């Protein structure tokens, strides 16, 4: 258990980041029905991997490794957790937008979504990337006891 939980945690982080990047690349080039459907699958994968990261992170915090006593007193750890929660909250807007686009494409019989629709969506993803890029730095600092 001491080996598998950190492994799953890291795999979850990689899948989370990869699915976010895939969603960005798919929707950056247009908003056809196929692209929205692919983005929806990547969005589902994002939230599934976020659940894995959260579950394994909680296991690492309370049961595996250094334990809660080590993490609870570290303010950088609390910043890291808060940042992860902010990323998840920010991810709700793109998820709702994708569901709206899927519905529009199905019901209204249009073949593409206007490009201006994607501008705010892509900015949310860029902000998520920026915040995700900060997490490893915080993780290293927490692990070293800073």
N, C-alpha and C. Protein backbone atom coordinates (compact mmCIF):
# COMPACT_ATOMS: atom_id res chain seq x y z
N UNK A 1 0.83 -1.19 0.00
CA UNK A 1 0.00 0.00 0.00
C UNK A 1 0.87 1.26 0.00
N UNK A 2 2.01 1.21 0.68
CA UNK A 2 2.90 2.37 0.73
C UNK A 2 3.49 2.71 -0.62
N UNK A 3 3.55 1.73 -1.53
CA UNK A 3 4.08 2.00 -2.87
C UNK A 3 2.98 2.31 -3.88
N UNK A 4 1.86 1.61 -3.77
CA UNK A 4 0.81 1.74 -4.79
C UNK A 4 0.05 3.07 -4.70
N UNK A 5 -0.17 3.58 -3.50
CA UNK A 5 -0.92 4.84 -3.34
C UNK A 5 -0.18 6.02 -3.97
N UNK A 6 1.11 6.22 -3.68
CA UNK A 6 1.82 7.32 -4.36
C UNK A 6 1.87 7.13 -5.88
N UNK A 7 2.03 5.88 -6.31
CA UNK A 7 2.05 5.58 -7.74
C UNK A 7 0.74 6.01 -8.40
N UNK A 8 -0.38 5.59 -7.81
CA UNK A 8 -1.69 5.96 -8.35
C UNK A 8 -1.91 7.48 -8.29
N UNK A 9 -1.38 8.10 -7.25
CA UNK A 9 -1.49 9.56 -7.12
C UNK A 9 -0.78 10.24 -8.30
N UNK A 10 0.44 9.81 -8.59
CA UNK A 10 1.20 10.41 -9.69
C UNK A 10 0.56 10.11 -11.05
N UNK A 11 0.08 8.89 -11.24
CA UNK A 11 -0.60 8.54 -12.49
C UNK A 11 -1.84 9.41 -12.66
N UNK A 12 -2.59 9.59 -11.58
CA UNK A 12 -3.78 10.45 -11.63
C UNK A 12 -3.44 11.87 -12.03
N UNK A 13 -2.35 12.39 -11.49
CA UNK A 13 -1.92 13.75 -11.82
C UNK A 13 -1.55 13.85 -13.29
N UNK A 14 -0.84 12.84 -13.80
CA UNK A 14 -0.45 12.86 -15.21
C UNK A 14 -1.67 12.77 -16.13
N UNK A 15 -2.62 11.91 -15.79
CA UNK A 15 -3.83 11.78 -16.60
C UNK A 15 -4.65 13.06 -16.53
N UNK A 16 -4.75 13.66 -15.36
CA UNK A 16 -5.48 14.92 -15.19
C UNK A 16 -4.89 16.00 -16.10
N UNK A 17 -3.58 16.14 -16.06
CA UNK A 17 -2.91 17.16 -16.87
C UNK A 17 -3.03 16.83 -18.36
N UNK A 18 -2.86 15.57 -18.70
CA UNK A 18 -2.98 15.16 -20.10
C UNK A 18 -4.37 15.36 -20.67
N UNK A 19 -5.38 15.06 -19.88
CA UNK A 19 -6.76 15.24 -20.36
C UNK A 19 -7.08 16.72 -20.53
N UNK A 20 -6.56 17.55 -19.65
CA UNK A 20 -6.76 18.99 -19.78
C UNK A 20 -6.08 19.51 -21.05
N UNK A 21 -4.86 19.04 -21.30
CA UNK A 21 -4.14 19.45 -22.51
C UNK A 21 -4.86 18.96 -23.76
N UNK A 22 -5.35 17.73 -23.74
CA UNK A 22 -6.07 17.20 -24.89
C UNK A 22 -7.34 18.01 -25.15
N UNK A 23 -8.06 18.35 -24.09
CA UNK A 23 -9.26 19.16 -24.23
C UNK A 23 -8.93 20.51 -24.87
N UNK A 24 -7.86 21.10 -24.41
CA UNK A 24 -7.43 22.40 -24.94
C UNK A 24 -7.08 22.29 -26.43
N UNK A 25 -6.29 21.30 -26.78
CA UNK A 25 -5.86 21.15 -28.18
C UNK A 25 -7.03 20.82 -29.10
N UNK A 26 -7.96 20.00 -28.63
CA UNK A 26 -9.11 19.63 -29.44
C UNK A 26 -9.98 20.85 -29.72
N UNK A 27 -10.23 21.65 -28.70
CA UNK A 27 -11.15 22.77 -28.87
C UNK A 27 -10.49 24.04 -29.38
N UNK A 28 -9.17 24.08 -29.36
CA UNK A 28 -8.47 25.26 -29.87
C UNK A 28 -8.61 25.36 -31.38
N UNK A 29 -8.76 24.23 -32.03
CA UNK A 29 -8.80 24.22 -33.49
C UNK A 29 -10.22 24.29 -34.06
N UNK A 30 -11.23 24.42 -33.23
CA UNK A 30 -12.60 24.55 -33.73
C UNK A 30 -13.60 23.90 -32.80
N UNK A 31 -14.87 24.07 -33.16
CA UNK A 31 -15.93 23.55 -32.29
C UNK A 31 -16.96 22.76 -33.10
N UNK A 32 -16.49 21.77 -33.84
CA UNK A 32 -17.42 20.90 -34.56
C UNK A 32 -18.02 19.90 -33.58
N UNK A 33 -19.01 19.17 -34.05
CA UNK A 33 -19.66 18.18 -33.19
C UNK A 33 -18.65 17.13 -32.70
N UNK A 34 -17.79 16.69 -33.60
CA UNK A 34 -16.78 15.68 -33.24
C UNK A 34 -15.83 16.23 -32.17
N UNK A 35 -15.39 17.46 -32.33
CA UNK A 35 -14.47 18.06 -31.37
C UNK A 35 -15.12 18.25 -30.00
N UNK A 36 -16.38 18.66 -30.00
CA UNK A 36 -17.09 18.83 -28.72
C UNK A 36 -17.26 17.47 -28.05
N UNK A 37 -17.56 16.44 -28.84
CA UNK A 37 -17.71 15.09 -28.27
C UNK A 37 -16.38 14.60 -27.68
N UNK A 38 -15.27 14.83 -28.39
CA UNK A 38 -13.95 14.45 -27.86
C UNK A 38 -13.62 15.24 -26.59
N UNK A 39 -13.93 16.53 -26.61
CA UNK A 39 -13.68 17.36 -25.42
C UNK A 39 -14.50 16.87 -24.24
N UNK A 40 -15.71 16.42 -24.51
CA UNK A 40 -16.56 15.88 -23.44
C UNK A 40 -15.93 14.63 -22.82
N UNK A 41 -15.39 13.77 -23.67
CA UNK A 41 -14.72 12.57 -23.15
C UNK A 41 -13.49 12.95 -22.33
N UNK A 42 -12.72 13.92 -22.81
CA UNK A 42 -11.53 14.38 -22.07
C UNK A 42 -11.94 15.05 -20.76
N UNK A 43 -13.06 15.75 -20.77
CA UNK A 43 -13.55 16.38 -19.55
C UNK A 43 -13.95 15.33 -18.52
N UNK A 44 -14.62 14.27 -18.98
CA UNK A 44 -14.98 13.17 -18.08
C UNK A 44 -13.72 12.51 -17.51
N UNK A 45 -12.72 12.32 -18.36
CA UNK A 45 -11.46 11.75 -17.91
C UNK A 45 -10.78 12.67 -16.90
N UNK A 46 -10.86 13.98 -17.13
CA UNK A 46 -10.30 14.96 -16.20
C UNK A 46 -10.91 14.78 -14.81
N UNK A 47 -12.24 14.73 -14.74
CA UNK A 47 -12.89 14.63 -13.43
C UNK A 47 -12.67 13.26 -12.79
N UNK A 48 -12.59 12.20 -13.60
CA UNK A 48 -12.27 10.88 -13.05
C UNK A 48 -10.87 10.88 -12.46
N UNK A 49 -9.91 11.44 -13.18
CA UNK A 49 -8.54 11.49 -12.66
C UNK A 49 -8.45 12.42 -11.46
N UNK A 50 -9.25 13.48 -11.44
CA UNK A 50 -9.27 14.37 -10.26
C UNK A 50 -9.77 13.61 -9.04
N UNK A 51 -10.74 12.73 -9.24
CA UNK A 51 -11.24 11.91 -8.13
C UNK A 51 -10.15 10.96 -7.63
N UNK A 52 -9.38 10.39 -8.56
CA UNK A 52 -8.27 9.51 -8.17
C UNK A 52 -7.22 10.31 -7.40
N UNK A 53 -6.87 11.49 -7.90
CA UNK A 53 -5.88 12.34 -7.22
C UNK A 53 -6.38 12.71 -5.83
N UNK A 54 -7.63 13.07 -5.72
CA UNK A 54 -8.20 13.44 -4.42
C UNK A 54 -8.20 12.26 -3.46
N UNK A 55 -8.67 11.10 -3.92
CA UNK A 55 -8.73 9.92 -3.06
C UNK A 55 -7.34 9.47 -2.61
N UNK A 56 -6.41 9.39 -3.55
CA UNK A 56 -5.06 8.96 -3.17
C UNK A 56 -4.35 10.02 -2.35
N UNK A 57 -4.66 11.28 -2.62
CA UNK A 57 -4.09 12.36 -1.82
C UNK A 57 -4.55 12.29 -0.37
N UNK A 58 -5.83 12.00 -0.18
CA UNK A 58 -6.35 11.85 1.18
C UNK A 58 -5.72 10.64 1.88
N UNK A 59 -5.54 9.55 1.12
CA UNK A 59 -4.87 8.38 1.69
C UNK A 59 -3.44 8.72 2.10
N UNK A 60 -2.75 9.46 1.25
CA UNK A 60 -1.36 9.85 1.58
C UNK A 60 -1.33 10.78 2.79
N UNK A 61 -2.31 11.63 2.90
CA UNK A 61 -2.38 12.59 4.00
C UNK A 61 -2.61 11.88 5.33
N UNK A 62 -3.54 10.94 5.34
CA UNK A 62 -3.95 10.36 6.61
C UNK A 62 -3.40 8.96 6.90
N UNK A 63 -3.07 8.16 5.89
CA UNK A 63 -2.72 6.77 6.15
C UNK A 63 -1.34 6.34 5.68
N UNK A 64 -0.87 6.87 4.58
CA UNK A 64 0.36 6.38 3.95
C UNK A 64 1.44 7.46 4.02
N UNK A 65 2.65 7.07 4.26
CA UNK A 65 3.75 8.02 4.21
C UNK A 65 3.97 8.77 5.50
N UNK A 66 4.17 10.07 5.39
CA UNK A 66 4.57 10.89 6.53
C UNK A 66 3.45 11.11 7.54
N UNK A 67 2.21 11.01 7.09
CA UNK A 67 1.09 11.10 8.01
C UNK A 67 0.58 12.52 8.23
N UNK A 68 -0.59 12.59 8.84
CA UNK A 68 -1.30 13.85 9.03
C UNK A 68 -0.51 14.83 9.90
N UNK A 69 0.19 14.32 10.90
CA UNK A 69 0.93 15.22 11.80
C UNK A 69 1.96 16.05 11.02
N UNK A 70 2.60 15.44 10.03
CA UNK A 70 3.58 16.15 9.22
C UNK A 70 2.92 17.22 8.35
N UNK A 71 1.81 16.84 7.70
CA UNK A 71 1.17 17.74 6.74
C UNK A 71 0.34 18.84 7.40
N UNK A 72 -0.32 18.52 8.49
CA UNK A 72 -1.25 19.48 9.10
C UNK A 72 -0.59 20.77 9.56
N UNK A 73 0.68 20.71 9.92
CA UNK A 73 1.34 21.92 10.44
C UNK A 73 2.03 22.73 9.35
N UNK A 74 1.98 22.27 8.12
CA UNK A 74 2.68 22.93 7.02
C UNK A 74 1.73 23.85 6.25
N UNK A 75 1.93 25.17 6.32
CA UNK A 75 1.04 26.09 5.60
C UNK A 75 1.10 25.93 4.08
N UNK A 76 2.25 25.52 3.54
CA UNK A 76 2.34 25.30 2.10
C UNK A 76 1.45 24.14 1.65
N UNK A 77 1.31 23.15 2.52
CA UNK A 77 0.41 22.03 2.21
C UNK A 77 -1.02 22.54 2.08
N UNK A 78 -1.42 23.41 2.97
CA UNK A 78 -2.78 23.95 2.93
C UNK A 78 -2.99 24.83 1.70
N UNK A 79 -1.95 25.53 1.29
CA UNK A 79 -2.03 26.31 0.05
C UNK A 79 -2.18 25.37 -1.14
N UNK A 80 -1.45 24.27 -1.13
CA UNK A 80 -1.51 23.29 -2.21
C UNK A 80 -2.92 22.69 -2.31
N UNK A 81 -3.50 22.32 -1.18
CA UNK A 81 -4.85 21.76 -1.18
C UNK A 81 -5.85 22.79 -1.69
N UNK A 82 -5.71 24.02 -1.22
CA UNK A 82 -6.61 25.10 -1.65
C UNK A 82 -6.50 25.32 -3.16
N UNK A 83 -5.29 25.29 -3.67
CA UNK A 83 -5.07 25.46 -5.10
C UNK A 83 -5.75 24.35 -5.90
N UNK A 84 -5.66 23.12 -5.41
CA UNK A 84 -6.31 21.99 -6.09
C UNK A 84 -7.82 22.18 -6.10
N UNK A 85 -8.38 22.62 -4.99
CA UNK A 85 -9.83 22.87 -4.92
C UNK A 85 -10.22 23.99 -5.88
N UNK A 86 -9.42 25.03 -5.96
CA UNK A 86 -9.69 26.13 -6.90
C UNK A 86 -9.67 25.61 -8.34
N UNK A 87 -8.72 24.74 -8.66
CA UNK A 87 -8.65 24.15 -10.00
C UNK A 87 -9.93 23.38 -10.30
N UNK A 88 -10.40 22.61 -9.33
CA UNK A 88 -11.64 21.84 -9.54
C UNK A 88 -12.84 22.76 -9.72
N UNK A 89 -12.89 23.83 -8.95
CA UNK A 89 -13.99 24.79 -9.10
C UNK A 89 -13.94 25.45 -10.47
N UNK A 90 -12.75 25.84 -10.90
CA UNK A 90 -12.60 26.44 -12.23
C UNK A 90 -13.00 25.47 -13.34
N UNK A 91 -12.81 24.18 -13.11
CA UNK A 91 -13.12 23.17 -14.12
C UNK A 91 -14.62 22.98 -14.32
N UNK A 92 -15.42 23.48 -13.40
CA UNK A 92 -16.87 23.33 -13.54
C UNK A 92 -17.38 24.16 -14.73
N UNK A 93 -16.88 25.38 -14.91
CA UNK A 93 -17.34 26.22 -16.02
C UNK A 93 -17.13 25.54 -17.38
N UNK A 94 -15.93 25.05 -17.69
CA UNK A 94 -15.77 24.35 -18.98
C UNK A 94 -16.67 23.12 -19.10
N UNK A 95 -16.88 22.40 -18.01
CA UNK A 95 -17.75 21.22 -18.06
C UNK A 95 -19.18 21.63 -18.43
N UNK A 96 -19.67 22.68 -17.80
CA UNK A 96 -21.02 23.16 -18.11
C UNK A 96 -21.11 23.66 -19.55
N UNK A 97 -20.07 24.33 -20.01
CA UNK A 97 -20.03 24.85 -21.37
C UNK A 97 -20.05 23.71 -22.39
N UNK A 98 -19.27 22.66 -22.13
CA UNK A 98 -19.25 21.51 -23.04
C UNK A 98 -20.63 20.87 -23.10
N UNK A 99 -21.27 20.69 -21.95
CA UNK A 99 -22.61 20.10 -21.94
C UNK A 99 -23.60 20.97 -22.72
N UNK A 100 -23.48 22.28 -22.58
CA UNK A 100 -24.34 23.21 -23.33
C UNK A 100 -24.10 23.05 -24.83
N UNK A 101 -22.84 22.97 -25.24
CA UNK A 101 -22.51 22.82 -26.65
C UNK A 101 -23.04 21.50 -27.20
N UNK A 102 -22.90 20.43 -26.43
CA UNK A 102 -23.41 19.13 -26.88
C UNK A 102 -24.91 19.20 -27.13
N UNK A 103 -25.62 19.84 -26.21
CA UNK A 103 -27.06 19.99 -26.34
C UNK A 103 -27.42 20.83 -27.57
N UNK A 104 -26.71 21.93 -27.77
CA UNK A 104 -26.95 22.79 -28.94
C UNK A 104 -26.74 22.02 -30.24
N UNK A 105 -25.67 21.27 -30.31
CA UNK A 105 -25.36 20.53 -31.53
C UNK A 105 -26.39 19.44 -31.81
N UNK A 106 -26.93 18.82 -30.75
CA UNK A 106 -27.94 17.77 -30.93
C UNK A 106 -29.29 18.36 -31.30
N UNK A 107 -29.73 19.37 -30.56
CA UNK A 107 -31.10 19.87 -30.70
C UNK A 107 -31.28 20.83 -31.87
N UNK A 108 -30.37 21.73 -32.05
CA UNK A 108 -30.56 22.78 -33.03
C UNK A 108 -30.13 22.39 -34.44
N UNK A 109 -29.49 21.26 -34.57
CA UNK A 109 -29.08 20.79 -35.89
C UNK A 109 -27.96 21.59 -36.54
N UNK A 110 -27.25 22.38 -35.75
CA UNK A 110 -26.12 23.11 -36.30
C UNK A 110 -24.89 22.20 -36.29
N UNK A 111 -23.96 22.49 -37.19
CA UNK A 111 -22.80 21.60 -37.29
C UNK A 111 -21.59 22.09 -36.51
N UNK A 112 -21.54 23.40 -36.22
CA UNK A 112 -20.42 23.94 -35.44
C UNK A 112 -20.92 25.02 -34.49
N UNK A 113 -20.14 25.23 -33.45
CA UNK A 113 -20.39 26.30 -32.49
C UNK A 113 -19.55 27.50 -32.93
N UNK A 114 -20.09 28.72 -32.86
CA UNK A 114 -19.29 29.90 -33.23
C UNK A 114 -17.99 29.98 -32.42
N UNK A 115 -16.92 30.39 -33.10
CA UNK A 115 -15.59 30.41 -32.48
C UNK A 115 -15.51 31.31 -31.25
N UNK A 116 -16.25 32.41 -31.24
CA UNK A 116 -16.19 33.32 -30.10
C UNK A 116 -16.69 32.66 -28.81
N UNK A 117 -17.48 31.60 -28.95
CA UNK A 117 -17.96 30.84 -27.79
C UNK A 117 -16.81 30.20 -27.02
N UNK A 118 -15.74 29.88 -27.72
CA UNK A 118 -14.65 29.14 -27.09
C UNK A 118 -13.63 30.02 -26.37
N UNK A 119 -13.70 31.34 -26.58
CA UNK A 119 -12.65 32.22 -26.04
C UNK A 119 -12.58 32.16 -24.52
N UNK A 120 -13.71 32.35 -23.84
CA UNK A 120 -13.69 32.30 -22.37
C UNK A 120 -13.37 30.89 -21.88
N UNK A 121 -13.85 29.90 -22.61
CA UNK A 121 -13.57 28.51 -22.27
C UNK A 121 -12.07 28.25 -22.25
N UNK A 122 -11.39 28.67 -23.31
CA UNK A 122 -9.95 28.45 -23.40
C UNK A 122 -9.19 29.22 -22.33
N UNK A 123 -9.68 30.39 -21.93
CA UNK A 123 -9.02 31.14 -20.86
C UNK A 123 -9.13 30.40 -19.53
N UNK A 124 -10.27 29.77 -19.28
CA UNK A 124 -10.40 28.97 -18.05
C UNK A 124 -9.37 27.85 -18.05
N UNK A 125 -9.20 27.19 -19.19
CA UNK A 125 -8.23 26.10 -19.27
C UNK A 125 -6.81 26.62 -19.06
N UNK A 126 -6.50 27.77 -19.61
CA UNK A 126 -5.16 28.35 -19.43
C UNK A 126 -4.89 28.67 -17.96
N UNK A 127 -5.88 29.19 -17.29
CA UNK A 127 -5.73 29.48 -15.85
C UNK A 127 -5.52 28.18 -15.08
N UNK A 128 -6.27 27.14 -15.44
CA UNK A 128 -6.07 25.84 -14.78
C UNK A 128 -4.65 25.33 -15.01
N UNK A 129 -4.13 25.47 -16.24
CA UNK A 129 -2.75 25.06 -16.52
C UNK A 129 -1.76 25.80 -15.63
N UNK A 130 -1.94 27.08 -15.51
CA UNK A 130 -1.05 27.89 -14.68
C UNK A 130 -1.06 27.40 -13.24
N UNK A 131 -2.24 27.16 -12.71
CA UNK A 131 -2.35 26.70 -11.32
C UNK A 131 -1.79 25.29 -11.15
N UNK A 132 -2.03 24.43 -12.13
CA UNK A 132 -1.48 23.07 -12.07
C UNK A 132 0.04 23.11 -12.09
N UNK A 133 0.62 24.06 -12.82
CA UNK A 133 2.08 24.17 -12.90
C UNK A 133 2.69 24.55 -11.55
N UNK A 134 1.94 25.19 -10.69
CA UNK A 134 2.44 25.59 -9.38
C UNK A 134 2.43 24.42 -8.39
N UNK A 135 1.53 23.47 -8.59
CA UNK A 135 1.38 22.36 -7.64
C UNK A 135 2.65 21.54 -7.41
N UNK A 136 3.42 21.17 -8.44
CA UNK A 136 4.64 20.39 -8.18
C UNK A 136 5.66 21.14 -7.32
N UNK A 137 5.78 22.43 -7.55
CA UNK A 137 6.69 23.23 -6.72
C UNK A 137 6.26 23.17 -5.25
N UNK A 138 4.98 23.36 -5.02
CA UNK A 138 4.48 23.28 -3.64
C UNK A 138 4.68 21.88 -3.07
N UNK A 139 4.46 20.85 -3.89
CA UNK A 139 4.62 19.47 -3.42
C UNK A 139 6.06 19.20 -2.98
N UNK A 140 7.02 19.67 -3.77
CA UNK A 140 8.43 19.49 -3.41
C UNK A 140 8.75 20.23 -2.12
N UNK A 141 8.27 21.45 -2.01
CA UNK A 141 8.54 22.24 -0.81
C UNK A 141 7.91 21.61 0.44
N UNK A 142 6.71 21.07 0.29
CA UNK A 142 6.06 20.40 1.42
C UNK A 142 6.84 19.15 1.80
N UNK A 143 7.23 18.35 0.80
CA UNK A 143 7.97 17.11 1.08
C UNK A 143 9.29 17.37 1.79
N UNK A 144 9.90 18.51 1.51
CA UNK A 144 11.17 18.85 2.15
C UNK A 144 10.98 19.58 3.47
N UNK A 145 9.74 19.80 3.86
CA UNK A 145 9.46 20.40 5.16
C UNK A 145 9.59 21.90 5.22
N UNK A 146 9.52 22.58 4.10
CA UNK A 146 9.62 24.05 4.08
C UNK A 146 8.35 24.66 4.63
